[in-house]
């Protein structure tokens, strides 16, 4: 197998593992505190955009990973459904309209240009939540580790095929993941804010 092709498919596997590990953690622990439902909704819409972009640009690893992760995206939203708010719905709708408009105005190139910021749109609500809360048992450290590997692999693949969209995706994913990982580790070392008020804040803070 061509090493470049192998790298692309490794990135596919890591992305699927990253997305699957978070809802598995939530189902196993029955905890969703600290999980941003807005981030999950935005991610579902983003993966629809990546599917669209991968097919239009003839990049099989991109559209295959988007296809196989869509059911996981739906599962993730369902598992964290009690964290859903009106903001989650409005954010996902606005993001979907932005991607549709980009396609209508610029075709694959326009869609790719907007998808460059997709990982930021997905990560920003989650980063906001982890910076506000001190009780994050719903977030998985395994997911953090897989996200780091995901970013490194997609970044390398994007660099080799000359796809700026994938490289930027990797850089932003890495930056956001490091912030989330740092907060999860530090809050657990501090005891995670295991008080009645801390638990209440975790459920009532906008996500």
N, C-alpha and C. Protein backbone atom coordinates (compact mmCIF):
# COMPACT_ATOMS: atom_id res chain seq x y z
N UNK A 1 0.84 -1.20 0.00
CA UNK A 1 0.00 0.00 0.00
C UNK A 1 0.88 1.25 0.00
N UNK A 2 0.48 2.24 -0.76
CA UNK A 2 1.16 3.52 -0.78
C UNK A 2 1.16 4.10 0.64
N UNK A 3 2.35 4.50 1.17
CA UNK A 3 2.39 5.05 2.53
C UNK A 3 1.45 6.24 2.74
N UNK A 4 1.28 7.07 1.71
CA UNK A 4 0.40 8.22 1.84
C UNK A 4 -1.06 7.77 1.99
N UNK A 5 -1.43 6.76 1.21
CA UNK A 5 -2.78 6.22 1.33
C UNK A 5 -2.98 5.62 2.72
N UNK A 6 -1.97 4.91 3.20
CA UNK A 6 -2.05 4.32 4.53
C UNK A 6 -2.20 5.38 5.61
N UNK A 7 -1.49 6.51 5.45
CA UNK A 7 -1.60 7.60 6.41
C UNK A 7 -3.02 8.17 6.42
N UNK A 8 -3.60 8.30 5.24
CA UNK A 8 -4.96 8.82 5.16
C UNK A 8 -5.96 7.92 5.85
N UNK A 9 -5.81 6.61 5.66
CA UNK A 9 -6.75 5.68 6.29
C UNK A 9 -6.50 5.56 7.79
N UNK A 10 -5.26 5.75 8.23
CA UNK A 10 -4.98 5.80 9.66
C UNK A 10 -5.70 7.00 10.29
N UNK A 11 -5.70 8.12 9.58
CA UNK A 11 -6.40 9.30 10.06
C UNK A 11 -7.90 9.03 10.19
N UNK A 12 -8.44 8.26 9.24
CA UNK A 12 -9.85 7.89 9.28
C UNK A 12 -10.14 7.09 10.56
N UNK A 13 -9.30 6.10 10.84
CA UNK A 13 -9.50 5.25 12.01
C UNK A 13 -9.41 6.07 13.30
N UNK A 14 -8.43 6.96 13.39
CA UNK A 14 -8.25 7.77 14.59
C UNK A 14 -9.43 8.71 14.82
N UNK A 15 -9.95 9.29 13.74
CA UNK A 15 -11.09 10.18 13.88
C UNK A 15 -12.30 9.43 14.39
N UNK A 16 -12.53 8.25 13.84
CA UNK A 16 -13.67 7.45 14.28
C UNK A 16 -13.50 7.05 15.74
N UNK A 17 -12.29 6.67 16.12
CA UNK A 17 -12.03 6.28 17.51
C UNK A 17 -12.23 7.48 18.45
N UNK A 18 -11.77 8.65 18.03
CA UNK A 18 -11.92 9.85 18.87
C UNK A 18 -13.39 10.16 19.09
N UNK A 19 -14.16 10.16 18.02
CA UNK A 19 -15.57 10.53 18.15
C UNK A 19 -16.36 9.46 18.91
N UNK A 20 -15.96 8.21 18.77
CA UNK A 20 -16.68 7.14 19.45
C UNK A 20 -16.35 7.04 20.93
N UNK A 21 -15.14 7.43 21.32
CA UNK A 21 -14.73 7.26 22.71
C UNK A 21 -15.50 8.18 23.66
N UNK A 22 -15.91 9.36 23.18
CA UNK A 22 -16.61 10.29 24.07
C UNK A 22 -18.01 9.80 24.45
N UNK A 23 -18.88 9.45 23.49
CA UNK A 23 -20.20 8.94 23.90
C UNK A 23 -20.09 7.63 24.68
N UNK A 24 -19.09 6.79 24.38
CA UNK A 24 -18.90 5.57 25.15
C UNK A 24 -18.60 5.90 26.61
N UNK A 25 -17.75 6.91 26.82
CA UNK A 25 -17.44 7.35 28.19
C UNK A 25 -18.71 7.84 28.89
N UNK A 26 -19.53 8.61 28.18
CA UNK A 26 -20.76 9.14 28.78
C UNK A 26 -21.76 8.03 29.10
N UNK A 27 -21.89 7.06 28.20
CA UNK A 27 -22.80 5.95 28.43
C UNK A 27 -22.33 5.08 29.60
N UNK A 28 -21.02 4.85 29.66
CA UNK A 28 -20.47 3.99 30.70
C UNK A 28 -20.54 4.66 32.08
N UNK A 29 -20.21 5.96 32.12
CA UNK A 29 -20.16 6.67 33.39
C UNK A 29 -21.50 7.28 33.80
N UNK A 30 -22.40 7.42 32.81
CA UNK A 30 -23.69 8.08 33.02
C UNK A 30 -23.50 9.52 33.51
N UNK A 31 -22.43 10.14 33.05
CA UNK A 31 -22.14 11.52 33.42
C UNK A 31 -21.95 12.33 32.13
N UNK A 32 -22.56 13.50 32.06
CA UNK A 32 -22.39 14.37 30.89
C UNK A 32 -22.01 15.79 31.31
N UNK A 33 -21.71 15.98 32.61
CA UNK A 33 -21.32 17.31 33.06
C UNK A 33 -20.05 17.77 32.34
N UNK A 34 -20.09 18.96 31.82
CA UNK A 34 -18.95 19.51 31.10
C UNK A 34 -18.98 19.29 29.60
N UNK A 35 -19.91 18.45 29.13
CA UNK A 35 -20.03 18.20 27.69
C UNK A 35 -20.88 19.31 27.07
N UNK A 36 -20.36 19.95 26.05
CA UNK A 36 -21.09 21.02 25.36
C UNK A 36 -21.97 20.43 24.26
N UNK A 37 -23.28 20.51 24.46
CA UNK A 37 -24.21 20.03 23.43
C UNK A 37 -24.12 20.88 22.17
N UNK A 38 -23.83 22.16 22.34
CA UNK A 38 -23.67 23.04 21.17
C UNK A 38 -22.51 22.57 20.30
N UNK A 39 -21.40 22.16 20.94
CA UNK A 39 -20.26 21.65 20.19
C UNK A 39 -20.64 20.38 19.44
N UNK A 40 -21.43 19.52 20.06
CA UNK A 40 -21.84 18.26 19.42
C UNK A 40 -22.75 18.51 18.21
N UNK A 41 -23.68 19.45 18.34
CA UNK A 41 -24.56 19.78 17.22
C UNK A 41 -23.75 20.40 16.08
N UNK A 42 -22.85 21.31 16.42
CA UNK A 42 -22.01 21.92 15.40
C UNK A 42 -21.15 20.87 14.69
N UNK A 43 -20.70 19.87 15.46
CA UNK A 43 -19.88 18.81 14.87
C UNK A 43 -20.68 17.95 13.89
N UNK A 44 -21.93 17.67 14.23
CA UNK A 44 -22.80 16.91 13.33
C UNK A 44 -22.97 17.65 12.01
N UNK A 45 -23.21 18.95 12.07
CA UNK A 45 -23.37 19.74 10.86
C UNK A 45 -22.04 19.81 10.09
N UNK A 46 -20.94 19.96 10.82
CA UNK A 46 -19.63 20.03 10.16
C UNK A 46 -19.31 18.74 9.41
N UNK A 47 -19.65 17.60 9.99
CA UNK A 47 -19.36 16.34 9.31
C UNK A 47 -20.20 16.18 8.05
N UNK A 48 -21.41 16.72 8.05
CA UNK A 48 -22.19 16.75 6.80
C UNK A 48 -21.46 17.58 5.75
N UNK A 49 -20.87 18.68 6.19
CA UNK A 49 -20.09 19.52 5.27
C UNK A 49 -18.84 18.82 4.77
N UNK A 50 -18.15 18.09 5.67
CA UNK A 50 -16.96 17.36 5.25
C UNK A 50 -17.29 16.25 4.26
N UNK A 51 -18.44 15.61 4.46
CA UNK A 51 -18.89 14.59 3.51
C UNK A 51 -19.08 15.21 2.13
N UNK A 52 -19.76 16.32 2.10
CA UNK A 52 -20.02 17.07 0.88
C UNK A 52 -18.69 17.45 0.21
N UNK A 53 -17.77 18.01 1.00
CA UNK A 53 -16.48 18.47 0.49
C UNK A 53 -15.63 17.30 -0.03
N UNK A 54 -15.59 16.19 0.72
CA UNK A 54 -14.78 15.04 0.32
C UNK A 54 -15.22 14.44 -0.99
N UNK A 55 -16.55 14.33 -1.18
CA UNK A 55 -17.07 13.79 -2.44
C UNK A 55 -16.75 14.73 -3.60
N UNK A 56 -16.99 16.03 -3.39
CA UNK A 56 -16.77 17.03 -4.45
C UNK A 56 -15.30 17.16 -4.82
N UNK A 57 -14.41 16.95 -3.84
CA UNK A 57 -12.96 17.12 -4.08
C UNK A 57 -12.25 15.80 -4.38
N UNK A 58 -13.01 14.68 -4.42
CA UNK A 58 -12.45 13.36 -4.70
C UNK A 58 -11.34 13.00 -3.71
N UNK A 59 -11.64 13.16 -2.41
CA UNK A 59 -10.73 12.78 -1.34
C UNK A 59 -11.41 11.67 -0.52
N UNK A 60 -11.23 10.40 -0.92
CA UNK A 60 -11.94 9.31 -0.24
C UNK A 60 -11.78 9.26 1.28
N UNK A 61 -10.56 9.46 1.84
CA UNK A 61 -10.47 9.41 3.30
C UNK A 61 -11.36 10.44 3.98
N UNK A 62 -11.57 11.58 3.35
CA UNK A 62 -12.39 12.64 3.95
C UNK A 62 -13.86 12.25 3.94
N UNK A 63 -14.38 11.82 2.77
CA UNK A 63 -15.81 11.53 2.73
C UNK A 63 -16.15 10.21 3.41
N UNK A 64 -15.20 9.27 3.44
CA UNK A 64 -15.47 8.01 4.13
C UNK A 64 -15.55 8.23 5.63
N UNK A 65 -14.60 8.99 6.19
CA UNK A 65 -14.63 9.23 7.63
C UNK A 65 -15.88 10.02 8.02
N UNK A 66 -16.29 10.96 7.18
CA UNK A 66 -17.51 11.72 7.48
C UNK A 66 -18.73 10.81 7.48
N UNK A 67 -18.77 9.88 6.52
CA UNK A 67 -19.92 8.98 6.41
C UNK A 67 -20.03 8.06 7.63
N UNK A 68 -18.92 7.47 8.02
CA UNK A 68 -18.98 6.50 9.11
C UNK A 68 -19.10 7.16 10.49
N UNK A 69 -18.76 8.46 10.57
CA UNK A 69 -18.87 9.13 11.87
C UNK A 69 -20.22 9.82 12.08
N UNK A 70 -21.01 9.98 11.04
CA UNK A 70 -22.30 10.63 11.22
C UNK A 70 -23.19 9.89 12.23
N UNK A 71 -23.29 8.55 12.18
CA UNK A 71 -24.09 7.87 13.21
C UNK A 71 -23.55 8.11 14.62
N UNK A 72 -22.21 8.21 14.75
CA UNK A 72 -21.61 8.48 16.06
C UNK A 72 -21.97 9.89 16.51
N UNK A 73 -21.98 10.83 15.57
CA UNK A 73 -22.37 12.20 15.89
C UNK A 73 -23.79 12.24 16.44
N UNK A 74 -24.68 11.51 15.78
CA UNK A 74 -26.08 11.47 16.22
C UNK A 74 -26.17 10.86 17.62
N UNK A 75 -25.42 9.77 17.84
CA UNK A 75 -25.41 9.13 19.16
C UNK A 75 -24.90 10.09 20.22
N UNK A 76 -23.85 10.84 19.91
CA UNK A 76 -23.28 11.77 20.88
C UNK A 76 -24.28 12.82 21.31
N UNK A 77 -25.01 13.37 20.33
CA UNK A 77 -26.02 14.37 20.65
C UNK A 77 -27.12 13.76 21.52
N UNK A 78 -27.53 12.53 21.18
CA UNK A 78 -28.59 11.88 21.95
C UNK A 78 -28.15 11.61 23.39
N UNK A 79 -26.91 11.15 23.57
CA UNK A 79 -26.41 10.84 24.91
C UNK A 79 -26.38 12.10 25.78
N UNK A 80 -26.01 13.23 25.18
CA UNK A 80 -25.90 14.49 25.94
C UNK A 80 -27.13 15.36 25.76
N UNK A 81 -28.26 14.76 25.43
CA UNK A 81 -29.46 15.53 25.09
C UNK A 81 -29.96 16.43 26.22
N UNK A 82 -29.69 16.06 27.47
CA UNK A 82 -30.17 16.91 28.57
C UNK A 82 -29.39 18.22 28.65
N UNK A 83 -28.25 18.31 27.94
CA UNK A 83 -27.49 19.55 27.89
C UNK A 83 -27.91 20.45 26.73
N UNK A 84 -28.82 19.97 25.87
CA UNK A 84 -29.24 20.76 24.71
C UNK A 84 -30.00 22.01 25.16
N UNK A 85 -29.75 23.11 24.47
CA UNK A 85 -30.44 24.36 24.74
C UNK A 85 -30.90 24.98 23.42
N UNK A 86 -31.63 26.07 23.51
CA UNK A 86 -32.03 26.79 22.31
C UNK A 86 -30.80 27.28 21.55
N UNK A 87 -29.78 27.66 22.29
CA UNK A 87 -28.52 28.11 21.67
C UNK A 87 -27.93 27.01 20.80
N UNK A 88 -28.01 25.76 21.27
CA UNK A 88 -27.48 24.63 20.50
C UNK A 88 -28.16 24.53 19.14
N UNK A 89 -29.50 24.63 19.14
CA UNK A 89 -30.27 24.54 17.90
C UNK A 89 -29.98 25.71 16.98
N UNK A 90 -29.92 26.90 17.53
CA UNK A 90 -29.66 28.09 16.71
C UNK A 90 -28.25 28.06 16.12
N UNK A 91 -27.30 27.61 16.91
CA UNK A 91 -25.92 27.54 16.44
C UNK A 91 -25.78 26.54 15.30
N UNK A 92 -26.38 25.36 15.45
CA UNK A 92 -26.31 24.36 14.40
C UNK A 92 -26.99 24.82 13.13
N UNK A 93 -28.12 25.50 13.25
CA UNK A 93 -28.84 26.00 12.08
C UNK A 93 -28.04 27.06 11.34
N UNK A 94 -27.44 27.98 12.10
CA UNK A 94 -26.64 29.05 11.48
C UNK A 94 -25.42 28.47 10.77
N UNK A 95 -24.80 27.47 11.39
CA UNK A 95 -23.63 26.83 10.80
C UNK A 95 -24.01 26.11 9.51
N UNK A 96 -25.14 25.43 9.51
CA UNK A 96 -25.61 24.75 8.31
C UNK A 96 -25.89 25.73 7.18
N UNK A 97 -26.49 26.87 7.50
CA UNK A 97 -26.77 27.89 6.49
C UNK A 97 -25.47 28.46 5.92
N UNK A 98 -24.47 28.62 6.78
CA UNK A 98 -23.18 29.15 6.33
C UNK A 98 -22.52 28.20 5.33
N UNK A 99 -22.56 26.90 5.61
CA UNK A 99 -21.95 25.92 4.71
C UNK A 99 -22.71 25.84 3.39
N UNK A 100 -24.03 25.89 3.47
CA UNK A 100 -24.84 25.85 2.24
C UNK A 100 -24.56 27.08 1.38
N UNK A 101 -24.49 28.24 2.02
CA UNK A 101 -24.20 29.47 1.28
C UNK A 101 -22.83 29.43 0.64
N UNK A 102 -21.85 28.86 1.34
CA UNK A 102 -20.50 28.76 0.79
C UNK A 102 -20.48 27.89 -0.46
N UNK A 103 -21.24 26.80 -0.42
CA UNK A 103 -21.31 25.93 -1.59
C UNK A 103 -22.00 26.63 -2.75
N UNK A 104 -23.09 27.30 -2.50
CA UNK A 104 -23.82 27.97 -3.56
C UNK A 104 -23.01 29.10 -4.19
N UNK A 105 -22.21 29.76 -3.40
CA UNK A 105 -21.43 30.90 -3.90
C UNK A 105 -20.10 30.48 -4.53
N UNK A 106 -19.49 29.41 -3.99
CA UNK A 106 -18.15 29.07 -4.46
C UNK A 106 -17.88 27.63 -4.78
N UNK A 107 -18.91 26.79 -4.75
CA UNK A 107 -18.71 25.37 -5.07
C UNK A 107 -17.77 24.72 -4.07
N UNK A 108 -17.04 23.68 -4.48
CA UNK A 108 -16.13 22.98 -3.56
C UNK A 108 -15.09 23.91 -2.92
N UNK A 109 -14.58 24.86 -3.70
CA UNK A 109 -13.59 25.79 -3.17
C UNK A 109 -14.17 26.66 -2.06
N UNK A 110 -15.37 27.16 -2.29
CA UNK A 110 -16.02 27.98 -1.28
C UNK A 110 -16.35 27.19 -0.03
N UNK A 111 -16.84 25.97 -0.22
CA UNK A 111 -17.16 25.12 0.92
C UNK A 111 -15.90 24.79 1.71
N UNK A 112 -14.81 24.47 1.00
CA UNK A 112 -13.56 24.16 1.69
C UNK A 112 -13.03 25.34 2.47
N UNK A 113 -13.20 26.55 1.91
CA UNK A 113 -12.73 27.75 2.60
C UNK A 113 -13.45 27.95 3.93
N UNK A 114 -14.75 27.65 3.95
CA UNK A 114 -15.51 27.81 5.19
C UNK A 114 -15.23 26.65 6.14
N UNK A 115 -15.04 25.45 5.59
CA UNK A 115 -14.75 24.30 6.43
C UNK A 115 -13.42 24.43 7.16
N UNK A 116 -12.56 25.32 6.67
CA UNK A 116 -11.29 25.58 7.36
C UNK A 116 -11.56 25.96 8.82
N UNK A 117 -12.66 26.69 9.05
CA UNK A 117 -12.94 27.14 10.41
C UNK A 117 -13.87 26.17 11.15
N UNK A 118 -14.21 25.03 10.52
CA UNK A 118 -15.18 24.12 11.14
C UNK A 118 -14.73 23.63 12.50
N UNK A 119 -13.46 23.28 12.62
CA UNK A 119 -12.99 22.75 13.89
C UNK A 119 -13.06 23.82 14.97
N UNK A 120 -12.85 25.09 14.58
CA UNK A 120 -12.98 26.17 15.56
C UNK A 120 -14.43 26.34 15.99
N UNK A 121 -15.35 26.23 15.02
CA UNK A 121 -16.78 26.34 15.33
C UNK A 121 -17.21 25.21 16.26
N UNK A 122 -16.62 24.04 16.08
CA UNK A 122 -16.96 22.88 16.92
C UNK A 122 -16.32 23.01 18.30
N UNK A 123 -15.05 23.40 18.34
CA UNK A 123 -14.32 23.40 19.61
C UNK A 123 -14.64 24.60 20.50
N UNK A 124 -14.96 25.74 19.90
CA UNK A 124 -15.15 26.96 20.70
C UNK A 124 -16.17 26.80 21.82
N UNK A 125 -17.37 26.22 21.56
CA UNK A 125 -18.31 26.06 22.67
C UNK A 125 -17.79 25.13 23.76
N UNK A 126 -17.06 24.08 23.36
CA UNK A 126 -16.53 23.16 24.37
C UNK A 126 -15.43 23.81 25.19
N UNK A 127 -14.56 24.58 24.54
CA UNK A 127 -13.51 25.28 25.27
C UNK A 127 -14.13 26.29 26.24
N UNK A 128 -15.18 26.96 25.80
CA UNK A 128 -15.87 27.92 26.66
C UNK A 128 -16.41 27.24 27.91
N UNK A 129 -16.99 26.07 27.74
CA UNK A 129 -17.54 25.33 28.88
C UNK A 129 -16.45 24.90 29.84
N UNK A 130 -15.34 24.33 29.33
CA UNK A 130 -14.30 23.84 30.23
C UNK A 130 -13.60 24.97 30.97
N UNK A 131 -13.58 26.16 30.38
CA UNK A 131 -12.96 27.30 31.07
C UNK A 131 -13.88 27.89 32.14
N UNK A 132 -15.18 27.63 32.02
CA UNK A 132 -16.14 28.18 32.99
C UNK A 132 -16.40 27.25 34.15
N UNK A 133 -16.30 25.94 33.94
CA UNK A 133 -16.69 24.98 34.96
C UNK A 133 -15.48 24.33 35.63
N UNK A 134 -15.69 23.87 36.85
CA UNK A 134 -14.66 23.15 37.58
C UNK A 134 -15.06 21.71 37.87
N UNK A 135 -16.06 21.23 37.14
CA UNK A 135 -16.57 19.88 37.36
C UNK A 135 -16.83 19.27 35.98
N UNK A 136 -15.91 18.43 35.50
CA UNK A 136 -15.95 17.96 34.11
C UNK A 136 -15.87 16.44 33.99
N UNK A 137 -16.62 15.69 34.79
CA UNK A 137 -16.52 14.23 34.70
C UNK A 137 -17.08 13.65 33.40
N UNK A 138 -17.83 14.45 32.66
CA UNK A 138 -18.39 13.95 31.41
C UNK A 138 -17.40 13.91 30.27
N UNK A 139 -16.21 14.52 30.47
CA UNK A 139 -15.21 14.56 29.40
C UNK A 139 -14.18 13.45 29.59
N UNK A 140 -13.81 12.81 28.49
CA UNK A 140 -12.93 11.65 28.51
C UNK A 140 -11.49 12.03 28.17
N UNK A 141 -10.56 11.63 29.04
CA UNK A 141 -9.14 11.87 28.75
C UNK A 141 -8.66 11.00 27.58
N UNK A 142 -9.28 9.83 27.40
CA UNK A 142 -8.94 9.01 26.24
C UNK A 142 -9.27 9.76 24.95
N UNK A 143 -10.40 10.45 24.94
CA UNK A 143 -10.78 11.24 23.77
C UNK A 143 -9.76 12.34 23.51
N UNK A 144 -9.26 12.95 24.58
CA UNK A 144 -8.24 13.99 24.43
C UNK A 144 -6.99 13.41 23.76
N UNK A 145 -6.53 12.25 24.22
CA UNK A 145 -5.35 11.63 23.63
C UNK A 145 -5.56 11.26 22.17
N UNK A 146 -6.74 10.72 21.87
CA UNK A 146 -7.04 10.36 20.49
C UNK A 146 -7.13 11.60 19.60
N UNK A 147 -7.62 12.70 20.16
CA UNK A 147 -7.73 13.93 19.39
C UNK A 147 -6.35 14.47 19.02
N UNK A 148 -5.39 14.33 19.94
CA UNK A 148 -4.02 14.75 19.64
C UNK A 148 -3.45 13.92 18.49
N UNK A 149 -3.64 12.59 18.56
CA UNK A 149 -3.17 11.71 17.49
C UNK A 149 -3.90 12.02 16.17
N UNK A 150 -5.19 12.30 16.28
CA UNK A 150 -6.01 12.65 15.12
C UNK A 150 -5.45 13.88 14.43
N UNK A 151 -5.17 14.92 15.22
CA UNK A 151 -4.66 16.17 14.67
C UNK A 151 -3.31 15.97 13.99
N UNK A 152 -2.42 15.22 14.63
CA UNK A 152 -1.10 14.99 14.04
C UNK A 152 -1.19 14.23 12.71
N UNK A 153 -2.06 13.23 12.66
CA UNK A 153 -2.17 12.41 11.46
C UNK A 153 -2.82 13.16 10.31
N UNK A 154 -3.95 13.84 10.58
CA UNK A 154 -4.59 14.61 9.52
C UNK A 154 -3.70 15.76 9.05
N UNK A 155 -2.95 16.36 9.99
CA UNK A 155 -2.04 17.43 9.60
C UNK A 155 -0.96 16.94 8.65
N UNK A 156 -0.39 15.77 8.96
CA UNK A 156 0.63 15.20 8.08
C UNK A 156 0.04 14.83 6.73
N UNK A 157 -1.15 14.22 6.73
CA UNK A 157 -1.79 13.84 5.47
C UNK A 157 -2.09 15.08 4.63
N UNK A 158 -2.63 16.11 5.27
CA UNK A 158 -2.94 17.33 4.55
C UNK A 158 -1.70 17.98 3.96
N UNK A 159 -0.59 17.94 4.72
CA UNK A 159 0.65 18.54 4.23
C UNK A 159 1.18 17.77 3.01
N UNK A 160 1.10 16.45 3.05
CA UNK A 160 1.60 15.64 1.94
C UNK A 160 0.77 15.79 0.67
N UNK A 161 -0.56 15.93 0.81
CA UNK A 161 -1.41 16.06 -0.38
C UNK A 161 -1.60 17.52 -0.77
N UNK A 162 -1.05 18.43 0.02
CA UNK A 162 -1.15 19.85 -0.30
C UNK A 162 -2.51 20.45 -0.04
N UNK A 163 -3.23 19.92 0.96
CA UNK A 163 -4.57 20.42 1.28
C UNK A 163 -4.51 21.32 2.52
N UNK A 164 -4.61 22.62 2.28
CA UNK A 164 -4.50 23.60 3.38
C UNK A 164 -5.63 23.43 4.38
N UNK A 165 -6.83 23.06 3.89
CA UNK A 165 -7.98 22.88 4.77
C UNK A 165 -7.67 21.87 5.87
N UNK A 166 -7.08 20.74 5.50
CA UNK A 166 -6.78 19.70 6.47
C UNK A 166 -5.67 20.11 7.44
N UNK A 167 -4.70 20.86 6.94
CA UNK A 167 -3.61 21.32 7.80
C UNK A 167 -4.13 22.29 8.86
N UNK A 168 -4.95 23.25 8.44
CA UNK A 168 -5.52 24.21 9.39
C UNK A 168 -6.41 23.49 10.39
N UNK A 169 -7.21 22.53 9.90
CA UNK A 169 -8.04 21.70 10.77
C UNK A 169 -7.19 21.08 11.87
N UNK A 170 -6.04 20.52 11.50
CA UNK A 170 -5.17 19.84 12.46
C UNK A 170 -4.61 20.81 13.49
N UNK A 171 -4.18 21.98 13.05
CA UNK A 171 -3.59 22.96 13.96
C UNK A 171 -4.61 23.44 15.00
N UNK A 172 -5.82 23.77 14.53
CA UNK A 172 -6.85 24.26 15.44
C UNK A 172 -7.32 23.16 16.38
N UNK A 173 -7.47 21.94 15.84
CA UNK A 173 -7.87 20.81 16.68
C UNK A 173 -6.86 20.59 17.79
N UNK A 174 -5.59 20.65 17.46
CA UNK A 174 -4.55 20.45 18.46
C UNK A 174 -4.61 21.53 19.55
N UNK A 175 -4.77 22.79 19.14
CA UNK A 175 -4.80 23.89 20.10
C UNK A 175 -5.99 23.75 21.06
N UNK A 176 -7.17 23.50 20.50
CA UNK A 176 -8.37 23.36 21.34
C UNK A 176 -8.29 22.15 22.24
N UNK A 177 -7.75 21.05 21.72
CA UNK A 177 -7.65 19.82 22.50
C UNK A 177 -6.71 19.98 23.68
N UNK A 178 -5.61 20.69 23.48
CA UNK A 178 -4.67 20.91 24.58
C UNK A 178 -5.30 21.72 25.71
N UNK A 179 -6.12 22.71 25.35
CA UNK A 179 -6.82 23.49 26.38
C UNK A 179 -7.80 22.61 27.14
N UNK A 180 -8.57 21.81 26.41
CA UNK A 180 -9.56 20.93 27.04
C UNK A 180 -8.86 19.90 27.93
N UNK A 181 -7.80 19.30 27.42
CA UNK A 181 -7.07 18.31 28.21
C UNK A 181 -6.49 18.91 29.47
N UNK A 182 -5.93 20.10 29.36
CA UNK A 182 -5.37 20.78 30.53
C UNK A 182 -6.43 21.01 31.59
N UNK A 183 -7.62 21.46 31.17
CA UNK A 183 -8.69 21.73 32.13
C UNK A 183 -9.21 20.45 32.78
N UNK A 184 -9.36 19.39 31.99
CA UNK A 184 -9.85 18.13 32.56
C UNK A 184 -8.87 17.61 33.61
N UNK A 185 -7.59 17.65 33.31
CA UNK A 185 -6.58 17.16 34.25
C UNK A 185 -6.55 18.02 35.51
N UNK A 186 -6.53 19.34 35.35
CA UNK A 186 -6.42 20.22 36.52
C UNK A 186 -7.66 20.15 37.40
N UNK A 187 -8.84 20.05 36.81
CA UNK A 187 -10.05 19.99 37.63
C UNK A 187 -10.12 18.67 38.41
N UNK A 188 -9.63 17.59 37.81
CA UNK A 188 -9.64 16.32 38.53
C UNK A 188 -8.63 16.32 39.66
N UNK A 189 -7.50 16.98 39.46
CA UNK A 189 -6.51 17.07 40.53
C UNK A 189 -7.03 17.91 41.70
N UNK A 190 -7.88 18.89 41.37
CA UNK A 190 -8.44 19.75 42.40
C UNK A 190 -9.68 19.16 43.05
N UNK A 191 -10.08 17.98 42.63
CA UNK A 191 -11.24 17.34 43.22
C UNK A 191 -12.50 17.51 42.42
N UNK A 192 -12.41 18.23 41.27
CA UNK A 192 -13.52 18.34 40.34
C UNK A 192 -14.70 19.14 40.83
N UNK A 193 -14.55 19.89 41.91
CA UNK A 193 -15.66 20.72 42.35
C UNK A 193 -16.84 19.89 42.79
N UNK A 194 -16.59 18.76 43.49
CA UNK A 194 -17.66 17.85 43.88
C UNK A 194 -18.47 18.39 45.05
N UNK A 195 -19.17 19.47 44.81
CA UNK A 195 -20.08 20.02 45.79
C UNK A 195 -21.44 20.12 45.15
N UNK A 196 -22.47 20.30 45.98
CA UNK A 196 -23.81 20.41 45.41
C UNK A 196 -23.91 21.59 44.47
N UNK A 197 -23.31 22.73 44.84
CA UNK A 197 -23.37 23.91 43.98
C UNK A 197 -22.58 23.70 42.71
N UNK A 198 -21.44 22.96 42.82
CA UNK A 198 -20.64 22.69 41.63
C UNK A 198 -21.37 21.81 40.65
N UNK A 199 -22.07 20.80 41.15
CA UNK A 199 -22.84 19.92 40.27
C UNK A 199 -23.99 20.67 39.62
N UNK A 200 -24.64 21.54 40.40
CA UNK A 200 -25.75 22.32 39.84
C UNK A 200 -25.25 23.24 38.74
N UNK A 201 -24.10 23.88 38.95
CA UNK A 201 -23.55 24.78 37.94
C UNK A 201 -23.21 24.02 36.67
N UNK A 202 -22.73 22.79 36.82
CA UNK A 202 -22.36 22.00 35.65
C UNK A 202 -23.57 21.72 34.76
N UNK A 203 -24.74 21.58 35.35
CA UNK A 203 -25.93 21.28 34.57
C UNK A 203 -26.62 22.54 34.04
N UNK A 204 -26.45 23.67 34.74
CA UNK A 204 -27.20 24.85 34.35
C UNK A 204 -26.39 25.81 33.48
N UNK A 205 -25.08 25.65 33.41
CA UNK A 205 -24.28 26.55 32.59
C UNK A 205 -24.62 26.32 31.12
N UNK A 206 -24.78 27.41 30.32
CA UNK A 206 -25.08 27.26 28.90
C UNK A 206 -23.99 26.45 28.22
N UNK A 207 -24.39 25.51 27.35
CA UNK A 207 -23.40 24.69 26.65
C UNK A 207 -23.62 24.72 25.15
